[in-house]
Amino acid sequence: MKSRFLTMSLIASSSFSQAGFESIDDADLGTISGQAGISIESELYATIGSLEYTDEGSVSVNDIVIGGANKQTYFGVDWGPGSHSGNKLDGSIIKIDVLNDGDLVISGAPSPAIGNLIDFGLSTGSIELQSSNGLVSSTLVDSINVSGIIAGFTSRIDAESLHILTEVDVGMDDIDIDISGLNMKIDNAFIVDSTYFEKIEAFGAGSATVDNLTAYFSVDLYADDEGLHINPQSLEFDMGIGSVAIAGESIGSFSLNNINLTQSSMIVSGHP
């Protein structure tokens, strides 16, 4: 059985007035209602001119866009109004609750009034490397474009341990990466549930359901003196790559069946 997730870091502050919320501009936060917890309906279209990490030299990711995928079909299927958002990430209801033990739970699901899926799009321009004096620079990646669908997400922050458990059901139906630094292009890649290839082999390409097309990912994050720990709880999926081209010539397509990274872990920390 699948749980639902997708990480969104939400609202900075809210103020109370006479046992209710003060009115908040719809253009800023969408529609908010609060009784047992808070429900939020919003639209997101965000652009970031440049995200730069500087150590001695620097690496920058340019022209980031986050929103809807602005198309009608995903995995060759029209899933209805919920996946017709244009360039905005919308059509979802986000709920925020604080449990009896103090745990904070943020969950999201498609709005029942619109459909059963949420579409999303993420793209970047170039990813560039630069020396500290600015005299040496190169383009590692020209662009990355990802589109897909989300069936739901949940994030729970444990009040005692500050572990953050996040879960999502997501399918990426088109991933295109232009890696100019390696003279390589990846087109029409996709990520789906680990049951996908078995399902279409047994019943044909048109037989895949939302459960086959959305992979369930679960990750636990926490910090200690060692650094930030990233521990997958469930990270299984199938992946296909429609085309890989090197030096302008295609070398073919690839299928990766039953990828399992659940036993992996990562610690992120600084170094001297």
C-alpha atoms as a PDB file:
ATOM      1  CA  MET A   1       0.000   0.000   0.000  1.00  0.00           C
ATOM      2  CA  LYS A   2       1.281   3.387  -0.891  1.00  0.00           C
ATOM      3  CA  SER A   3       1.601   6.450   1.306  1.00  0.00           C
ATOM      4  CA  ARG A   4       1.701   9.940  -0.081  1.00  0.00           C
ATOM      5  CA  PHE A   5       4.425  12.601  -0.039  1.00  0.00           C
ATOM      6  CA  LEU A   6       6.299  15.431  -1.840  1.00  0.00           C
ATOM      7  CA  THR A   7       8.424  17.799   0.012  1.00  0.00           C
ATOM      8  CA  MET A   8       7.246  21.391   0.242  1.00  0.00           C
ATOM      9  CA  SER A   9       8.502  23.764   2.891  1.00  0.00           C
ATOM     10  CA  LEU A  10       5.490  25.828   3.751  1.00  0.00           C
ATOM     11  CA  ILE A  11       4.449  29.095   5.353  1.00  0.00           C
ATOM     12  CA  ALA A  12       6.664  31.402   7.263  1.00  0.00           C
ATOM     13  CA  SER A  13       4.218  32.825   9.783  1.00  0.00           C
ATOM     14  CA  SER A  14       0.532  33.222  10.626  1.00  0.00           C
ATOM     15  CA  SER A  15      -1.303  35.399  13.137  1.00  0.00           C
ATOM     16  CA  PHE A  16      -4.423  34.708  15.141  1.00  0.00           C
ATOM     17  CA  SER A  17      -7.300  37.080  15.776  1.00  0.00           C
ATOM     18  CA  GLN A  18     -10.472  36.429  17.801  1.00  0.00           C
ATOM     19  CA  ALA A  19     -10.164  32.632  17.725  1.00  0.00           C
ATOM     20  CA  GLY A  20      -9.626  32.608  13.939  1.00  0.00           C
ATOM     21  CA  PHE A  21      -7.134  33.585  11.251  1.00  0.00           C
ATOM     22  CA  GLU A  22      -6.872  37.105   9.965  1.00  0.00           C
ATOM     23  CA  SER A  23      -7.666  37.422   6.280  1.00  0.00           C
ATOM     24  CA  ILE A  24      -4.700  36.637   4.011  1.00  0.00           C
ATOM     25  CA  ASP A  25      -4.346  37.720   0.413  1.00  0.00           C
ATOM     26  CA  ASP A  26      -5.380  34.840  -1.908  1.00  0.00           C
ATOM     27  CA  ALA A  27      -2.637  35.794  -4.341  1.00  0.00           C
ATOM     28  CA  ASP A  28      -0.046  35.068  -1.658  1.00  0.00           C
ATOM     29  CA  LEU A  29      -1.189  31.870   0.017  1.00  0.00           C
ATOM     30  CA  GLY A  30      -4.303  30.679  -1.802  1.00  0.00           C
ATOM     31  CA  THR A  31      -7.293  29.633   0.251  1.00  0.00           C
ATOM     32  CA  ILE A  32      -6.663  28.795   3.919  1.00  0.00           C
ATOM     33  CA  SER A  33      -9.172  27.347   6.370  1.00  0.00           C
ATOM     34  CA  GLY A  34      -8.428  26.338   9.944  1.00  0.00           C
ATOM     35  CA  GLN A  35     -10.422  24.182  12.327  1.00  0.00           C
ATOM     36  CA  ALA A  36      -8.798  20.863  13.165  1.00  0.00           C
ATOM     37  CA  GLY A  37      -5.536  21.811  11.516  1.00  0.00           C
ATOM     38  CA  ILE A  38      -5.020  23.959   8.442  1.00  0.00           C
ATOM     39  CA  SER A  39      -5.901  23.299   4.800  1.00  0.00           C
ATOM     40  CA  ILE A  40      -4.226  25.231   1.979  1.00  0.00           C
ATOM     41  CA  GLU A  41      -5.055  25.452  -1.699  1.00  0.00           C
ATOM     42  CA  SER A  42      -2.450  27.367  -3.673  1.00  0.00           C
ATOM     43  CA  GLU A  43      -0.822  27.904  -7.043  1.00  0.00           C
ATOM     44  CA  LEU A  44       2.939  27.882  -7.507  1.00  0.00           C
ATOM     45  CA  TYR A  45       5.014  29.184 -10.377  1.00  0.00           C
ATOM     46  CA  ALA A  46       8.549  30.033  -9.274  1.00  0.00           C
ATOM     47  CA  THR A  47      11.629  31.157 -11.168  1.00  0.00           C
ATOM     48  CA  ILE A  48      15.154  31.425  -9.764  1.00  0.00           C
ATOM     49  CA  GLY A  49      17.688  33.284 -11.866  1.00  0.00           C
ATOM     50  CA  SER A  50      20.714  31.533 -10.376  1.00  0.00           C
ATOM     51  CA  LEU A  51      21.543  29.204  -7.480  1.00  0.00           C
ATOM     52  CA  GLU A  52      25.276  29.404  -6.760  1.00  0.00           C
ATOM     53  CA  TYR A  53      27.390  27.356  -4.357  1.00  0.00           C
ATOM     54  CA  THR A  54      30.805  28.845  -3.578  1.00  0.00           C
ATOM     55  CA  ASP A  55      33.681  26.952  -1.938  1.00  0.00           C
ATOM     56  CA  GLU A  56      36.969  28.104  -3.414  1.00  0.00           C
ATOM     57  CA  GLY A  57      35.621  28.102  -6.933  1.00  0.00           C
ATOM     58  CA  SER A  58      31.881  27.958  -7.559  1.00  0.00           C
ATOM     59  CA  VAL A  59      29.148  25.972  -9.299  1.00  0.00           C
ATOM     60  CA  SER A  60      25.929  27.664 -10.376  1.00  0.00           C
ATOM     61  CA  VAL A  61      22.570  26.370 -11.586  1.00  0.00           C
ATOM     62  CA  ASN A  62      20.860  28.942 -13.779  1.00  0.00           C
ATOM     63  CA  ASP A  63      17.301  29.716 -14.895  1.00  0.00           C
ATOM     64  CA  ILE A  64      15.436  27.352 -12.550  1.00  0.00           C
ATOM     65  CA  VAL A  65      11.670  27.062 -13.119  1.00  0.00           C
ATOM     66  CA  ILE A  66       9.242  25.193 -10.831  1.00  0.00           C
ATOM     67  CA  GLY A  67       5.569  24.862 -11.681  1.00  0.00           C
ATOM     68  CA  GLY A  68       3.197  22.799 -13.791  1.00  0.00           C
ATOM     69  CA  ALA A  69       4.279  20.810 -16.830  1.00  0.00           C
ATOM     70  CA  ASN A  70       1.952  22.680 -19.215  1.00  0.00           C
ATOM     71  CA  LYS A  71       0.846  19.654 -21.227  1.00  0.00           C
ATOM     72  CA  GLN A  72      -2.199  17.392 -21.520  1.00  0.00           C
ATOM     73  CA  THR A  73      -0.885  13.833 -21.356  1.00  0.00           C
ATOM     74  CA  TYR A  74       1.527  11.911 -19.122  1.00  0.00           C
ATOM     75  CA  PHE A  75       2.721   8.418 -20.006  1.00  0.00           C
ATOM     76  CA  GLY A  76       0.495   8.770 -23.071  1.00  0.00           C
ATOM     77  CA  VAL A  77      -2.683   9.216 -20.995  1.00  0.00           C
ATOM     78  CA  ASP A  78      -4.907  12.234 -20.341  1.00  0.00           C
ATOM     79  CA  TRP A  79      -5.572  12.022 -16.592  1.00  0.00           C
ATOM     80  CA  GLY A  80      -8.183  14.779 -16.501  1.00  0.00           C
ATOM     81  CA  PRO A  81      -8.400  18.352 -15.156  1.00  0.00           C
ATOM     82  CA  GLY A  82      -6.008  17.777 -12.238  1.00  0.00           C
ATOM     83  CA  SER A  83      -3.113  17.357 -14.680  1.00  0.00           C
ATOM     84  CA  HIS A  84      -4.103  20.312 -16.902  1.00  0.00           C
ATOM     85  CA  SER A  85      -2.618  23.073 -14.790  1.00  0.00           C
ATOM     86  CA  GLY A  86      -0.682  24.919 -17.464  1.00  0.00           C
ATOM     87  CA  ASN A  87       2.587  26.267 -16.113  1.00  0.00           C
ATOM     88  CA  LYS A  88       1.439  26.403 -12.456  1.00  0.00           C
ATOM     89  CA  LEU A  89       1.797  23.753  -9.777  1.00  0.00           C
ATOM     90  CA  ASP A  90      -1.757  23.630  -8.452  1.00  0.00           C
ATOM     91  CA  GLY A  91      -4.776  21.368  -8.055  1.00  0.00           C
ATOM     92  CA  SER A  92      -3.706  20.143  -4.606  1.00  0.00           C
ATOM     93  CA  ILE A  93      -4.900  20.479  -1.024  1.00  0.00           C
ATOM     94  CA  ILE A  94      -2.154  20.688   1.600  1.00  0.00           C
ATOM     95  CA  LYS A  95      -3.061  19.904   5.218  1.00  0.00           C
ATOM     96  CA  ILE A  96      -1.041  20.854   8.281  1.00  0.00           C
ATOM     97  CA  ASP A  97      -1.684  19.205  11.643  1.00  0.00           C
ATOM     98  CA  VAL A  98       0.085  19.130  15.008  1.00  0.00           C
ATOM     99  CA  LEU A  99      -0.577  15.792  16.731  1.00  0.00           C
ATOM    100  CA  ASN A 100      -1.084  15.132  20.458  1.00  0.00           C
ATOM    101  CA  ASP A 101       2.578  14.183  20.858  1.00  0.00           C
ATOM    102  CA  GLY A 102       3.709  17.428  19.219  1.00  0.00           C
ATOM    103  CA  ASP A 103       4.638  15.888  15.867  1.00  0.00           C
ATOM    104  CA  LEU A 104       4.053  18.154  12.875  1.00  0.00           C
ATOM    105  CA  VAL A 105       2.416  16.479   9.868  1.00  0.00           C
ATOM    106  CA  ILE A 106       2.202  18.097   6.430  1.00  0.00           C
ATOM    107  CA  SER A 107       0.326  16.137   3.771  1.00  0.00           C
ATOM    108  CA  GLY A 108      -0.877  16.840   0.278  1.00  0.00           C
ATOM    109  CA  ALA A 109      -3.275  15.231  -2.170  1.00  0.00           C
ATOM    110  CA  PRO A 110      -5.075  16.182  -5.381  1.00  0.00           C
ATOM    111  CA  SER A 111      -8.111  18.381  -4.888  1.00  0.00           C
ATOM    112  CA  PRO A 112     -11.243  16.162  -5.143  1.00  0.00           C
ATOM    113  CA  ALA A 113     -12.926  18.878  -7.164  1.00  0.00           C
ATOM    114  CA  ILE A 114     -10.294  18.668  -9.905  1.00  0.00           C
ATOM    115  CA  GLY A 115      -8.936  15.154 -10.288  1.00  0.00           C
ATOM    116  CA  ASN A 116      -6.814  12.345  -8.908  1.00  0.00           C
ATOM    117  CA  LEU A 117      -3.325  13.542  -9.892  1.00  0.00           C
ATOM    118  CA  ILE A 118      -1.164  16.661  -9.757  1.00  0.00           C
ATOM    119  CA  ASP A 119       1.182  17.483 -12.612  1.00  0.00           C
ATOM    120  CA  PHE A 120       4.537  19.197 -12.115  1.00  0.00           C
ATOM    121  CA  GLY A 121       7.404  20.578 -14.143  1.00  0.00           C
ATOM    122  CA  LEU A 122      10.995  21.389 -13.182  1.00  0.00           C
ATOM    123  CA  SER A 123      13.611  22.821 -15.511  1.00  0.00           C
ATOM    124  CA  THR A 124      17.011  24.465 -15.383  1.00  0.00           C
ATOM    125  CA  GLY A 125      19.260  26.253 -17.777  1.00  0.00           C
ATOM    126  CA  SER A 126      23.000  25.764 -17.689  1.00  0.00           C
ATOM    127  CA  ILE A 127      25.044  24.363 -14.809  1.00  0.00           C
ATOM    128  CA  GLU A 128      28.401  26.107 -14.837  1.00  0.00           C
ATOM    129  CA  LEU A 129      31.765  25.745 -13.073  1.00  0.00           C
ATOM    130  CA  GLN A 130      33.983  28.753 -12.376  1.00  0.00           C
ATOM    131  CA  SER A 131      37.385  29.333 -10.808  1.00  0.00           C
ATOM    132  CA  SER A 132      37.772  31.639  -7.808  1.00  0.00           C
ATOM    133  CA  ASN A 133      39.341  34.404  -9.904  1.00  0.00           C
ATOM    134  CA  GLY A 134      36.661  34.131 -12.574  1.00  0.00           C
ATOM    135  CA  LEU A 135      39.180  33.532 -15.341  1.00  0.00           C
ATOM    136  CA  VAL A 136      38.258  29.876 -15.929  1.00  0.00           C
ATOM    137  CA  SER A 137      34.678  28.745 -16.521  1.00  0.00           C
ATOM    138  CA  SER A 138      32.929  25.907 -18.286  1.00  0.00           C
ATOM    139  CA  THR A 139      29.422  24.595 -18.877  1.00  0.00           C
ATOM    140  CA  LEU A 140      28.872  21.132 -17.441  1.00  0.00           C
ATOM    141  CA  VAL A 141      25.164  20.811 -18.302  1.00  0.00           C
ATOM    142  CA  ASP A 142      23.191  22.910 -20.790  1.00  0.00           C
ATOM    143  CA  SER A 143      19.712  22.104 -19.489  1.00  0.00           C
ATOM    144  CA  ILE A 144      17.574  19.722 -17.455  1.00  0.00           C
ATOM    145  CA  ASN A 145      13.822  19.285 -18.000  1.00  0.00           C
ATOM    146  CA  VAL A 146      11.573  17.024 -15.901  1.00  0.00           C
ATOM    147  CA  SER A 147       7.801  16.580 -15.983  1.00  0.00           C
ATOM    148  CA  GLY A 148       5.516  14.140 -14.213  1.00  0.00           C
ATOM    149  CA  ILE A 149       2.606  13.427 -11.914  1.00  0.00           C
ATOM    150  CA  ILE A 150       2.171  13.260  -8.133  1.00  0.00           C
ATOM    151  CA  ALA A 151      -0.492  11.152  -6.436  1.00  0.00           C
ATOM    152  CA  GLY A 152       0.189  12.517  -2.936  1.00  0.00           C
ATOM    153  CA  PHE A 153       2.777  13.192  -0.240  1.00  0.00           C
ATOM    154  CA  THR A 154       3.276  13.241   3.537  1.00  0.00           C
ATOM    155  CA  SER A 155       5.992  14.686   5.745  1.00  0.00           C
ATOM    156  CA  ARG A 156       6.157  14.099   9.516  1.00  0.00           C
ATOM    157  CA  ILE A 157       8.542  15.913  11.866  1.00  0.00           C
ATOM    158  CA  ASP A 158       9.017  14.052  15.144  1.00  0.00           C
ATOM    159  CA  ALA A 159       8.857  16.513  18.041  1.00  0.00           C
ATOM    160  CA  GLU A 160      11.189  14.474  20.269  1.00  0.00           C
ATOM    161  CA  SER A 161      13.902  13.317  17.852  1.00  0.00           C
ATOM    162  CA  LEU A 162      13.470  15.913  15.057  1.00  0.00           C
ATOM    163  CA  HIS A 163      13.610  13.111  12.486  1.00  0.00           C
ATOM    164  CA  ILE A 164      11.792  14.130   9.315  1.00  0.00           C
ATOM    165  CA  LEU A 165      10.073  11.246   7.515  1.00  0.00           C
ATOM    166  CA  THR A 166       8.908  12.162   4.013  1.00  0.00           C
ATOM    167  CA  GLU A 167       6.929  10.025   1.598  1.00  0.00           C
ATOM    168  CA  VAL A 168       5.753  10.611  -1.968  1.00  0.00           C
ATOM    169  CA  ASP A 169       4.079   8.778  -4.823  1.00  0.00           C
ATOM    170  CA  VAL A 170       5.553  10.280  -7.980  1.00  0.00           C
ATOM    171  CA  GLY A 171       6.001   9.318 -11.609  1.00  0.00           C
ATOM    172  CA  MET A 172       8.395  11.176 -13.915  1.00  0.00           C
ATOM    173  CA  ASP A 173       7.206  10.717 -17.468  1.00  0.00           C
ATOM    174  CA  ASP A 174       9.841  12.759 -19.310  1.00  0.00           C
ATOM    175  CA  ILE A 175      13.414  13.551 -18.271  1.00  0.00           C
ATOM    176  CA  ASP A 176      15.710  15.293 -20.753  1.00  0.00           C
ATOM    177  CA  ILE A 177      19.304  16.234 -19.888  1.00  0.00           C
ATOM    178  CA  ASP A 178      21.783  17.953 -22.215  1.00  0.00           C
ATOM    179  CA  ILE A 179      25.246  17.245 -20.751  1.00  0.00           C
ATOM    180  CA  SER A 180      27.458  19.343 -22.987  1.00  0.00           C
ATOM    181  CA  GLY A 181      30.502  18.783 -20.762  1.00  0.00           C
ATOM    182  CA  LEU A 182      30.448  15.115 -21.805  1.00  0.00           C
ATOM    183  CA  ASN A 183      29.027  15.778 -25.302  1.00  0.00           C
ATOM    184  CA  MET A 184      26.021  13.642 -24.258  1.00  0.00           C
ATOM    185  CA  LYS A 185      22.233  13.997 -24.415  1.00  0.00           C
ATOM    186  CA  ILE A 186      19.647  11.922 -22.555  1.00  0.00           C
ATOM    187  CA  ASP A 187      16.107  12.149 -23.932  1.00  0.00           C
ATOM    188  CA  ASN A 188      12.715  10.686 -23.004  1.00  0.00           C
ATOM    189  CA  ALA A 189      13.824   9.032 -19.779  1.00  0.00           C
ATOM    190  CA  PHE A 190      11.178   8.083 -17.216  1.00  0.00           C
ATOM    191  CA  ILE A 191      10.907   6.804 -13.632  1.00  0.00           C
ATOM    192  CA  VAL A 192       7.956   4.643 -12.528  1.00  0.00           C
ATOM    193  CA  ASP A 193       7.018   2.030  -9.937  1.00  0.00           C
ATOM    194  CA  SER A 194       9.062  -1.182  -9.761  1.00  0.00           C
ATOM    195  CA  THR A 195       6.002  -3.129 -11.014  1.00  0.00           C
ATOM    196  CA  TYR A 196       5.829  -1.254 -14.335  1.00  0.00           C
ATOM    197  CA  PHE A 197       7.849  -3.450 -16.682  1.00  0.00           C
ATOM    198  CA  GLU A 198       6.253  -6.653 -15.359  1.00  0.00           C
ATOM    199  CA  LYS A 199       2.776  -5.161 -15.832  1.00  0.00           C
ATOM    200  CA  ILE A 200       3.244  -4.064 -19.432  1.00  0.00           C
ATOM    201  CA  GLU A 201       5.017  -7.319 -20.315  1.00  0.00           C
ATOM    202  CA  ALA A 202       2.069  -9.320 -19.025  1.00  0.00           C
ATOM    203  CA  PHE A 203      -0.817  -7.134 -20.227  1.00  0.00           C
ATOM    204  CA  GLY A 204       0.543  -4.621 -22.758  1.00  0.00           C
ATOM    205  CA  ALA A 205       1.650  -0.984 -22.679  1.00  0.00           C
ATOM    206  CA  GLY A 206      -1.864   0.378 -22.153  1.00  0.00           C
ATOM    207  CA  SER A 207      -2.478  -1.693 -19.022  1.00  0.00           C
ATOM    208  CA  ALA A 208      -0.372   0.391 -16.612  1.00  0.00           C
ATOM    209  CA  THR A 209      -2.388   2.044 -13.834  1.00  0.00           C
ATOM    210  CA  VAL A 210      -1.520   4.978 -11.570  1.00  0.00           C
ATOM    211  CA  ASP A 211      -0.052   2.479  -9.078  1.00  0.00           C
ATOM    212  CA  ASN A 212       2.316   1.151 -11.763  1.00  0.00           C
ATOM    213  CA  LEU A 213       3.255   4.648 -12.951  1.00  0.00           C
ATOM    214  CA  THR A 214       3.932   6.340  -9.593  1.00  0.00           C
ATOM    215  CA  ALA A 215       6.855   5.083  -7.512  1.00  0.00           C
ATOM    216  CA  TYR A 216       6.638   5.208  -3.713  1.00  0.00           C
ATOM    217  CA  PHE A 217       9.658   6.886  -2.126  1.00  0.00           C
ATOM    218  CA  SER A 218      10.229   7.242   1.626  1.00  0.00           C
ATOM    219  CA  VAL A 219      13.235   8.982   3.187  1.00  0.00           C
ATOM    220  CA  ASP A 220      14.200   9.725   6.800  1.00  0.00           C
ATOM    221  CA  LEU A 221      16.320  12.811   7.499  1.00  0.00           C
ATOM    222  CA  TYR A 222      17.939  13.880  10.747  1.00  0.00           C
ATOM    223  CA  ALA A 223      20.999  15.785  11.930  1.00  0.00           C
ATOM    224  CA  ASP A 224      23.608  15.065  14.614  1.00  0.00           C
ATOM    225  CA  ASP A 225      27.282  15.872  15.258  1.00  0.00           C
ATOM    226  CA  GLU A 226      28.291  13.874  12.169  1.00  0.00           C
ATOM    227  CA  GLY A 227      26.135  15.924   9.810  1.00  0.00           C
ATOM    228  CA  LEU A 228      22.830  15.559   7.956  1.00  0.00           C
ATOM    229  CA  HIS A 229      21.761  11.925   7.599  1.00  0.00           C
ATOM    230  CA  ILE A 230      19.675  10.904   4.562  1.00  0.00           C
ATOM    231  CA  ASN A 231      18.369   7.355   4.967  1.00  0.00           C
ATOM    232  CA  PRO A 232      15.982   5.886   2.378  1.00  0.00           C
ATOM    233  CA  GLN A 233      13.216   3.771   3.908  1.00  0.00           C
ATOM    234  CA  SER A 234      11.847   2.750   0.509  1.00  0.00           C
ATOM    235  CA  LEU A 235      13.527   3.613  -2.783  1.00  0.00           C
ATOM    236  CA  GLU A 236      12.534   1.090  -5.457  1.00  0.00           C
ATOM    237  CA  PHE A 237      11.638   1.945  -9.049  1.00  0.00           C
ATOM    238  CA  ASP A 238      11.904   1.103 -12.732  1.00  0.00           C
ATOM    239  CA  MET A 239      13.614   3.446 -15.174  1.00  0.00           C
ATOM    240  CA  GLY A 240      13.666   3.739 -18.935  1.00  0.00           C
ATOM    241  CA  ILE A 241      15.854   5.927 -21.157  1.00  0.00           C
ATOM    242  CA  GLY A 242      14.424   6.544 -24.606  1.00  0.00           C
ATOM    243  CA  SER A 243      17.646   7.731 -26.188  1.00  0.00           C
ATOM    244  CA  VAL A 244      21.282   8.362 -25.289  1.00  0.00           C
ATOM    245  CA  ALA A 245      23.351  10.289 -27.812  1.00  0.00           C
ATOM    246  CA  ILE A 246      27.118  10.814 -27.654  1.00  0.00           C
ATOM    247  CA  ALA A 247      28.826  13.221 -30.036  1.00  0.00           C
ATOM    248  CA  GLY A 248      25.507  13.657 -31.822  1.00  0.00           C
ATOM    249  CA  GLU A 249      24.988   9.957 -32.554  1.00  0.00           C
ATOM    250  CA  SER A 250      22.456   7.770 -30.749  1.00  0.00           C
ATOM    251  CA  ILE A 251      23.830   4.704 -28.988  1.00  0.00           C
ATOM    252  CA  GLY A 252      20.334   3.326 -28.285  1.00  0.00           C
ATOM    253  CA  SER A 253      17.824   3.076 -25.462  1.00  0.00           C
ATOM    254  CA  PHE A 254      17.989   1.475 -22.017  1.00  0.00           C
ATOM    255  CA  SER A 255      15.642  -0.206 -19.516  1.00  0.00           C
ATOM    256  CA  LEU A 256      16.603  -0.557 -15.849  1.00  0.00           C
ATOM    257  CA  ASN A 257      14.286  -2.977 -14.059  1.00  0.00           C
ATOM    258  CA  ASN A 258      13.761  -3.194 -10.278  1.00  0.00           C
ATOM    259  CA  ILE A 259      16.297  -0.620  -9.095  1.00  0.00           C
ATOM    260  CA  ASN A 260      16.488  -0.786  -5.280  1.00  0.00           C
ATOM    261  CA  LEU A 261      18.428   1.823  -3.289  1.00  0.00           C
ATOM    262  CA  THR A 262      16.641   1.230   0.016  1.00  0.00           C
ATOM    263  CA  GLN A 263      19.796  -0.041   1.755  1.00  0.00           C
ATOM    264  CA  SER A 264      21.730   3.102   0.827  1.00  0.00           C
ATOM    265  CA  SER A 265      22.474   5.999   3.187  1.00  0.00           C
ATOM    266  CA  MET A 266      24.256   9.334   3.082  1.00  0.00           C
ATOM    267  CA  ILE A 267      25.804  11.788   5.537  1.00  0.00           C
ATOM    268  CA  VAL A 268      26.292  15.377   4.380  1.00  0.00           C
ATOM    269  CA  SER A 269      28.824  17.474   6.284  1.00  0.00           C
ATOM    270  CA  GLY A 270      31.451  20.130   5.759  1.00  0.00           C
ATOM    271  CA  HIS A 271      35.167  19.409   5.633  1.00  0.00           C
ATOM    272  CA  PRO A 272      38.225  21.398   6.707  1.00  0.00           C
END
